[in-house]
Amino acid sequence: MPATVDSSSVPLKDRFYIYRGTVLHQKKAAADFDQMYWQMVPKPAAPTLVALNPATAPANLDVTVNVTGTGFDLGASVLIGTSVLSPIGTPTQTAFSVVVLAADIATAGTRAVSVKNGDGQLSNAINFSVT
């Protein structure tokens, strides 16, 4: 009979083992294990930016821009130049709005706009024209 060892003082993270593809969690005694199973879920696809509405705005004025695309998550934000803009309200998987501040579009030109999800994945960029 194997010796019984109390592992209750061992940190929880040190009581997991993989045996033949099954994760085992050691309970209080050395020979007392729970089997644990879980499904590995692949990382979601990066967001895709499809359109900005409007895609043009006058320089040095605040403007609300509607962002549409696919794969947005609840932590989505918009990158315009070096600024990070938070959505107005709660983003859906396909749309949300942001307020682009006058300071972010103070001079005429083109700005690259992209969406960054809460998991850090970055979308393609679309140009935003400042007149």
N, C-alpha and C. Protein backbone atom coordinates (compact mmCIF):
# COMPACT_ATOMS: atom_id res chain seq x y z
N MET A 1 0.85 -1.17 0.00
CA MET A 1 0.00 0.00 0.00
C MET A 1 0.90 1.24 0.00
N PRO A 2 0.62 2.21 -0.94
CA PRO A 2 1.46 3.40 -0.98
C PRO A 2 1.26 4.27 0.25
N ALA A 3 2.30 4.96 0.61
CA ALA A 3 2.22 5.87 1.76
C ALA A 3 1.29 7.03 1.42
N THR A 4 0.57 7.50 2.41
CA THR A 4 -0.30 8.64 2.23
C THR A 4 0.43 9.89 2.69
N VAL A 5 0.44 10.89 1.83
CA VAL A 5 1.12 12.14 2.14
C VAL A 5 0.10 13.26 2.07
N ASP A 6 0.06 14.09 3.09
CA ASP A 6 -0.86 15.22 3.09
C ASP A 6 -0.25 16.33 2.25
N SER A 7 -0.95 16.70 1.17
CA SER A 7 -0.43 17.75 0.29
C SER A 7 -1.23 19.05 0.43
N SER A 8 -2.03 19.17 1.47
CA SER A 8 -2.87 20.35 1.63
C SER A 8 -2.05 21.63 1.79
N SER A 9 -0.80 21.51 2.21
CA SER A 9 0.04 22.71 2.34
C SER A 9 0.79 23.03 1.05
N VAL A 10 0.68 22.15 0.05
CA VAL A 10 1.33 22.39 -1.23
C VAL A 10 0.45 23.35 -2.02
N PRO A 11 1.03 24.41 -2.61
CA PRO A 11 0.22 25.35 -3.38
C PRO A 11 -0.58 24.63 -4.47
N LEU A 12 -1.79 25.12 -4.70
CA LEU A 12 -2.68 24.50 -5.67
C LEU A 12 -2.01 24.33 -7.03
N LYS A 13 -1.28 25.34 -7.49
CA LYS A 13 -0.65 25.26 -8.81
C LYS A 13 0.37 24.13 -8.91
N ASP A 14 0.88 23.66 -7.79
CA ASP A 14 1.86 22.57 -7.79
C ASP A 14 1.21 21.20 -7.64
N ARG A 15 -0.12 21.13 -7.65
CA ARG A 15 -0.81 19.86 -7.46
C ARG A 15 -1.50 19.37 -8.73
N PHE A 16 -1.08 19.86 -9.90
CA PHE A 16 -1.63 19.41 -11.17
C PHE A 16 -0.58 18.64 -11.93
N TYR A 17 -0.98 17.55 -12.55
CA TYR A 17 -0.08 16.70 -13.30
C TYR A 17 -0.77 16.28 -14.60
N ILE A 18 0.00 15.97 -15.62
CA ILE A 18 -0.56 15.42 -16.85
C ILE A 18 -0.07 13.98 -16.96
N TYR A 19 -1.01 13.08 -17.09
CA TYR A 19 -0.70 11.66 -17.19
C TYR A 19 -1.46 11.09 -18.37
N ARG A 20 -0.74 10.66 -19.40
CA ARG A 20 -1.35 10.09 -20.60
C ARG A 20 -2.43 11.00 -21.18
N GLY A 21 -2.15 12.30 -21.25
CA GLY A 21 -3.07 13.26 -21.85
C GLY A 21 -4.21 13.69 -20.98
N THR A 22 -4.27 13.22 -19.74
CA THR A 22 -5.33 13.61 -18.81
C THR A 22 -4.72 14.45 -17.71
N VAL A 23 -5.38 15.55 -17.40
CA VAL A 23 -4.90 16.39 -16.31
C VAL A 23 -5.41 15.82 -15.01
N LEU A 24 -4.51 15.63 -14.07
CA LEU A 24 -4.88 15.11 -12.75
C LEU A 24 -4.67 16.21 -11.72
N HIS A 25 -5.57 16.29 -10.79
CA HIS A 25 -5.44 17.23 -9.69
C HIS A 25 -5.28 16.43 -8.41
N GLN A 26 -4.17 16.66 -7.72
CA GLN A 26 -3.92 15.93 -6.48
C GLN A 26 -4.74 16.56 -5.37
N LYS A 27 -5.53 15.73 -4.72
CA LYS A 27 -6.31 16.22 -3.60
C LYS A 27 -5.45 16.13 -2.34
N LYS A 28 -5.98 15.69 -1.24
CA LYS A 28 -5.23 15.73 0.02
C LYS A 28 -4.19 14.65 0.16
N ALA A 29 -4.41 13.50 -0.42
CA ALA A 29 -3.44 12.40 -0.25
C ALA A 29 -2.73 12.14 -1.57
N ALA A 30 -1.53 11.61 -1.48
CA ALA A 30 -0.70 11.40 -2.67
C ALA A 30 -1.38 10.50 -3.69
N ALA A 31 -2.17 9.53 -3.26
CA ALA A 31 -2.80 8.59 -4.19
C ALA A 31 -4.26 8.97 -4.47
N ASP A 32 -4.68 10.15 -4.11
CA ASP A 32 -6.06 10.58 -4.24
C ASP A 32 -6.13 11.68 -5.30
N PHE A 33 -6.57 11.33 -6.52
CA PHE A 33 -6.59 12.28 -7.62
C PHE A 33 -7.98 12.45 -8.19
N ASP A 34 -8.27 13.64 -8.66
CA ASP A 34 -9.46 13.90 -9.49
C ASP A 34 -8.96 13.98 -10.92
N GLN A 35 -9.74 13.48 -11.86
CA GLN A 35 -9.41 13.69 -13.26
C GLN A 35 -10.16 14.92 -13.72
N MET A 36 -9.49 15.75 -14.47
CA MET A 36 -10.11 16.97 -14.97
C MET A 36 -9.97 17.00 -16.48
N TYR A 37 -11.02 17.37 -17.16
CA TYR A 37 -11.01 17.46 -18.61
C TYR A 37 -11.48 18.86 -19.00
N TRP A 38 -10.93 19.36 -20.08
CA TRP A 38 -11.45 20.60 -20.62
C TRP A 38 -11.22 20.62 -22.11
N GLN A 39 -12.00 21.43 -22.77
CA GLN A 39 -11.88 21.53 -24.21
C GLN A 39 -11.02 22.75 -24.53
N MET A 40 -10.03 22.54 -25.37
CA MET A 40 -9.18 23.64 -25.78
C MET A 40 -9.91 24.39 -26.90
N VAL A 41 -10.08 25.69 -26.73
CA VAL A 41 -10.77 26.50 -27.71
C VAL A 41 -9.73 27.32 -28.47
N PRO A 42 -9.76 27.27 -29.79
CA PRO A 42 -8.77 28.03 -30.55
C PRO A 42 -8.95 29.53 -30.35
N LYS A 43 -7.87 30.26 -30.49
CA LYS A 43 -7.91 31.71 -30.38
C LYS A 43 -8.82 32.26 -31.48
N PRO A 44 -9.69 33.21 -31.16
CA PRO A 44 -10.58 33.75 -32.19
C PRO A 44 -9.78 34.49 -33.26
N ALA A 45 -10.39 34.61 -34.42
CA ALA A 45 -9.75 35.33 -35.53
C ALA A 45 -9.61 36.80 -35.16
N ALA A 46 -8.62 37.44 -35.74
CA ALA A 46 -8.42 38.87 -35.52
C ALA A 46 -9.62 39.64 -36.06
N PRO A 47 -9.92 40.80 -35.48
CA PRO A 47 -11.03 41.59 -35.99
C PRO A 47 -10.73 42.09 -37.40
N THR A 48 -11.79 42.35 -38.15
CA THR A 48 -11.66 42.90 -39.50
C THR A 48 -12.43 44.21 -39.55
N LEU A 49 -11.78 45.26 -39.96
CA LEU A 49 -12.41 46.57 -40.10
C LEU A 49 -12.90 46.68 -41.53
N VAL A 50 -14.20 46.98 -41.70
CA VAL A 50 -14.81 47.05 -43.03
C VAL A 50 -15.05 48.50 -43.45
N ALA A 51 -15.60 49.32 -42.55
CA ALA A 51 -15.94 50.68 -42.94
C ALA A 51 -15.95 51.63 -41.75
N LEU A 52 -15.75 52.91 -42.06
CA LEU A 52 -15.88 54.00 -41.10
C LEU A 52 -16.94 54.94 -41.68
N ASN A 53 -17.85 55.41 -40.83
CA ASN A 53 -18.87 56.32 -41.31
C ASN A 53 -19.06 57.45 -40.32
N PRO A 54 -18.68 58.66 -40.63
CA PRO A 54 -18.06 59.10 -41.87
C PRO A 54 -16.59 58.69 -41.94
N ALA A 55 -16.05 58.68 -43.14
CA ALA A 55 -14.63 58.36 -43.34
C ALA A 55 -13.83 59.63 -43.58
N THR A 56 -14.51 60.78 -43.51
CA THR A 56 -13.89 62.09 -43.71
C THR A 56 -14.47 63.04 -42.67
N ALA A 57 -13.64 63.95 -42.17
CA ALA A 57 -14.11 64.94 -41.21
C ALA A 57 -13.25 66.19 -41.32
N PRO A 58 -13.81 67.35 -40.95
CA PRO A 58 -13.01 68.57 -40.94
C PRO A 58 -11.98 68.54 -39.80
N ALA A 59 -10.86 69.18 -40.05
CA ALA A 59 -9.81 69.24 -39.03
C ALA A 59 -10.28 70.01 -37.81
N ASN A 60 -9.75 69.61 -36.68
CA ASN A 60 -9.92 70.31 -35.41
C ASN A 60 -11.36 70.38 -34.90
N LEU A 61 -12.17 69.37 -35.22
CA LEU A 61 -13.52 69.27 -34.69
C LEU A 61 -13.76 67.85 -34.19
N ASP A 62 -14.46 67.70 -33.06
CA ASP A 62 -14.85 66.36 -32.60
C ASP A 62 -15.83 65.76 -33.59
N VAL A 63 -15.73 64.46 -33.84
CA VAL A 63 -16.65 63.79 -34.75
C VAL A 63 -16.93 62.39 -34.22
N THR A 64 -18.21 61.97 -34.29
CA THR A 64 -18.59 60.61 -33.92
C THR A 64 -18.48 59.75 -35.17
N VAL A 65 -17.73 58.65 -35.05
CA VAL A 65 -17.50 57.75 -36.18
C VAL A 65 -18.09 56.38 -35.84
N ASN A 66 -18.89 55.87 -36.77
CA ASN A 66 -19.43 54.51 -36.64
C ASN A 66 -18.45 53.55 -37.29
N VAL A 67 -18.06 52.53 -36.56
CA VAL A 67 -17.08 51.54 -37.00
C VAL A 67 -17.82 50.24 -37.27
N THR A 68 -17.64 49.66 -38.46
CA THR A 68 -18.26 48.38 -38.75
C THR A 68 -17.21 47.38 -39.21
N GLY A 69 -17.48 46.13 -38.96
CA GLY A 69 -16.55 45.06 -39.32
C GLY A 69 -17.01 43.75 -38.73
N THR A 70 -16.06 42.89 -38.42
CA THR A 70 -16.37 41.59 -37.83
C THR A 70 -15.37 41.26 -36.73
N GLY A 71 -15.81 40.43 -35.80
CA GLY A 71 -14.91 39.90 -34.78
C GLY A 71 -14.54 40.85 -33.67
N PHE A 72 -15.33 41.90 -33.45
CA PHE A 72 -15.03 42.82 -32.34
C PHE A 72 -15.44 42.15 -31.03
N ASP A 73 -14.68 42.39 -29.96
CA ASP A 73 -15.06 41.86 -28.66
C ASP A 73 -15.40 43.01 -27.72
N LEU A 74 -15.80 42.68 -26.49
CA LEU A 74 -16.23 43.71 -25.55
C LEU A 74 -15.12 44.67 -25.14
N GLY A 75 -13.86 44.27 -25.34
CA GLY A 75 -12.74 45.13 -25.00
C GLY A 75 -12.20 45.91 -26.19
N ALA A 76 -12.95 45.95 -27.29
CA ALA A 76 -12.48 46.60 -28.51
C ALA A 76 -12.26 48.10 -28.30
N SER A 77 -11.24 48.62 -28.97
CA SER A 77 -10.97 50.06 -28.98
C SER A 77 -10.47 50.43 -30.36
N VAL A 78 -10.45 51.72 -30.65
CA VAL A 78 -10.00 52.21 -31.95
C VAL A 78 -8.67 52.89 -31.79
N LEU A 79 -7.76 52.60 -32.70
CA LEU A 79 -6.47 53.27 -32.75
C LEU A 79 -6.50 54.23 -33.94
N ILE A 80 -6.25 55.50 -33.67
CA ILE A 80 -6.13 56.50 -34.73
C ILE A 80 -4.87 57.28 -34.45
N GLY A 81 -3.91 57.13 -35.32
CA GLY A 81 -2.59 57.68 -35.04
C GLY A 81 -2.03 57.00 -33.80
N THR A 82 -1.65 57.79 -32.81
CA THR A 82 -1.13 57.22 -31.56
C THR A 82 -2.18 57.19 -30.45
N SER A 83 -3.40 57.62 -30.77
CA SER A 83 -4.47 57.69 -29.76
C SER A 83 -5.29 56.41 -29.73
N VAL A 84 -5.74 56.05 -28.54
CA VAL A 84 -6.63 54.91 -28.33
C VAL A 84 -7.97 55.46 -27.88
N LEU A 85 -9.03 55.13 -28.64
CA LEU A 85 -10.36 55.64 -28.34
C LEU A 85 -11.28 54.52 -27.89
N SER A 86 -12.00 54.77 -26.81
CA SER A 86 -12.95 53.77 -26.28
C SER A 86 -14.30 53.93 -26.93
N PRO A 87 -15.03 52.82 -27.09
CA PRO A 87 -16.35 52.89 -27.70
C PRO A 87 -17.35 53.67 -26.85
N ILE A 88 -18.34 54.22 -27.54
CA ILE A 88 -19.50 54.80 -26.85
C ILE A 88 -20.44 53.62 -26.61
N GLY A 89 -20.81 53.35 -25.39
CA GLY A 89 -21.67 52.21 -25.11
C GLY A 89 -20.92 50.90 -25.22
N THR A 90 -21.66 49.82 -25.51
CA THR A 90 -21.09 48.48 -25.57
C THR A 90 -20.94 48.06 -27.03
N PRO A 91 -19.73 47.69 -27.45
CA PRO A 91 -19.57 47.25 -28.83
C PRO A 91 -20.25 45.90 -29.07
N THR A 92 -20.73 45.71 -30.29
CA THR A 92 -21.23 44.40 -30.70
C THR A 92 -20.11 43.73 -31.49
N GLN A 93 -20.34 42.52 -31.97
CA GLN A 93 -19.32 41.82 -32.75
C GLN A 93 -19.10 42.47 -34.11
N THR A 94 -20.05 43.33 -34.55
CA THR A 94 -19.94 43.91 -35.88
C THR A 94 -19.94 45.43 -35.93
N ALA A 95 -20.21 46.11 -34.84
CA ALA A 95 -20.29 47.57 -34.90
C ALA A 95 -20.16 48.23 -33.53
N PHE A 96 -19.66 49.45 -33.56
CA PHE A 96 -19.68 50.33 -32.41
C PHE A 96 -19.31 51.73 -32.87
N SER A 97 -19.43 52.71 -31.99
CA SER A 97 -19.11 54.10 -32.33
C SER A 97 -18.07 54.63 -31.38
N VAL A 98 -17.29 55.60 -31.87
CA VAL A 98 -16.31 56.30 -31.05
C VAL A 98 -16.38 57.79 -31.36
N VAL A 99 -15.94 58.59 -30.43
CA VAL A 99 -15.80 60.02 -30.67
C VAL A 99 -14.32 60.29 -30.93
N VAL A 100 -14.03 60.77 -32.13
CA VAL A 100 -12.67 61.17 -32.48
C VAL A 100 -12.52 62.62 -32.05
N LEU A 101 -11.61 62.86 -31.15
CA LEU A 101 -11.44 64.20 -30.59
C LEU A 101 -10.70 65.13 -31.54
N ALA A 102 -11.02 66.39 -31.45
CA ALA A 102 -10.40 67.40 -32.29
C ALA A 102 -8.87 67.34 -32.22
N ALA A 103 -8.35 67.05 -31.04
CA ALA A 103 -6.89 66.98 -30.87
C ALA A 103 -6.28 65.85 -31.70
N ASP A 104 -7.04 64.80 -31.98
CA ASP A 104 -6.54 63.67 -32.76
C ASP A 104 -6.55 63.95 -34.26
N ILE A 105 -7.34 64.96 -34.66
CA ILE A 105 -7.42 65.32 -36.08
C ILE A 105 -7.25 66.84 -36.23
N ALA A 106 -6.23 67.37 -35.59
CA ALA A 106 -6.02 68.82 -35.56
C ALA A 106 -5.57 69.39 -36.91
N THR A 107 -4.94 68.58 -37.73
CA THR A 107 -4.46 69.06 -39.03
C THR A 107 -4.97 68.16 -40.14
N ALA A 108 -5.05 68.73 -41.33
CA ALA A 108 -5.51 67.99 -42.50
C ALA A 108 -4.52 66.87 -42.83
N GLY A 109 -5.05 65.80 -43.43
CA GLY A 109 -4.21 64.67 -43.82
C GLY A 109 -4.98 63.37 -43.67
N THR A 110 -4.27 62.28 -43.81
CA THR A 110 -4.87 60.96 -43.71
C THR A 110 -4.36 60.28 -42.45
N ARG A 111 -5.27 59.66 -41.73
CA ARG A 111 -4.92 58.91 -40.52
C ARG A 111 -5.31 57.45 -40.72
N ALA A 112 -4.44 56.55 -40.34
CA ALA A 112 -4.77 55.12 -40.35
C ALA A 112 -5.59 54.80 -39.11
N VAL A 113 -6.69 54.10 -39.31
CA VAL A 113 -7.58 53.70 -38.21
C VAL A 113 -7.65 52.19 -38.19
N SER A 114 -7.52 51.61 -37.01
CA SER A 114 -7.66 50.16 -36.86
C SER A 114 -8.37 49.88 -35.54
N VAL A 115 -8.79 48.64 -35.38
CA VAL A 115 -9.48 48.21 -34.15
C VAL A 115 -8.58 47.22 -33.43
N LYS A 116 -8.47 47.40 -32.13
CA LYS A 116 -7.70 46.48 -31.29
C LYS A 116 -8.67 45.83 -30.31
N ASN A 117 -8.75 44.51 -30.35
CA ASN A 117 -9.62 43.79 -29.42
C ASN A 117 -8.98 43.71 -28.03
N GLY A 118 -9.78 43.37 -27.06
CA GLY A 118 -9.31 43.24 -25.68
C GLY A 118 -8.22 42.20 -25.52
N ASP A 119 -8.17 41.20 -26.41
CA ASP A 119 -7.12 40.18 -26.33
C ASP A 119 -5.84 40.60 -27.05
N GLY A 120 -5.80 41.85 -27.55
CA GLY A 120 -4.60 42.39 -28.17
C GLY A 120 -4.52 42.21 -29.68
N GLN A 121 -5.46 41.47 -30.27
CA GLN A 121 -5.42 41.28 -31.72
C GLN A 121 -5.81 42.57 -32.43
N LEU A 122 -5.12 42.87 -33.52
CA LEU A 122 -5.28 44.11 -34.26
C LEU A 122 -5.89 43.84 -35.63
N SER A 123 -6.80 44.70 -36.04
CA SER A 123 -7.44 44.57 -37.35
C SER A 123 -6.56 45.19 -38.44
N ASN A 124 -7.06 45.07 -39.66
CA ASN A 124 -6.50 45.81 -40.78
C ASN A 124 -6.75 47.30 -40.53
N ALA A 125 -6.11 48.16 -41.31
CA ALA A 125 -6.29 49.61 -41.17
C ALA A 125 -7.09 50.15 -42.34
N ILE A 126 -7.89 51.17 -42.06
CA ILE A 126 -8.62 51.92 -43.08
C ILE A 126 -8.24 53.38 -42.90
N ASN A 127 -8.09 54.09 -44.02
CA ASN A 127 -7.73 55.50 -43.95
C ASN A 127 -8.93 56.37 -43.60
N PHE A 128 -8.68 57.35 -42.73
CA PHE A 128 -9.64 58.36 -42.34
C PHE A 128 -9.07 59.69 -42.81
N SER A 129 -9.84 60.39 -43.65
CA SER A 129 -9.35 61.65 -44.23
C SER A 129 -9.78 62.84 -43.39
N VAL A 130 -8.83 63.71 -43.12
CA VAL A 130 -9.09 64.94 -42.39
C VAL A 130 -8.88 66.10 -43.36
N THR A 131 -9.95 66.91 -43.53
CA THR A 131 -9.88 68.01 -44.50
C THR A 131 -9.69 69.35 -43.83
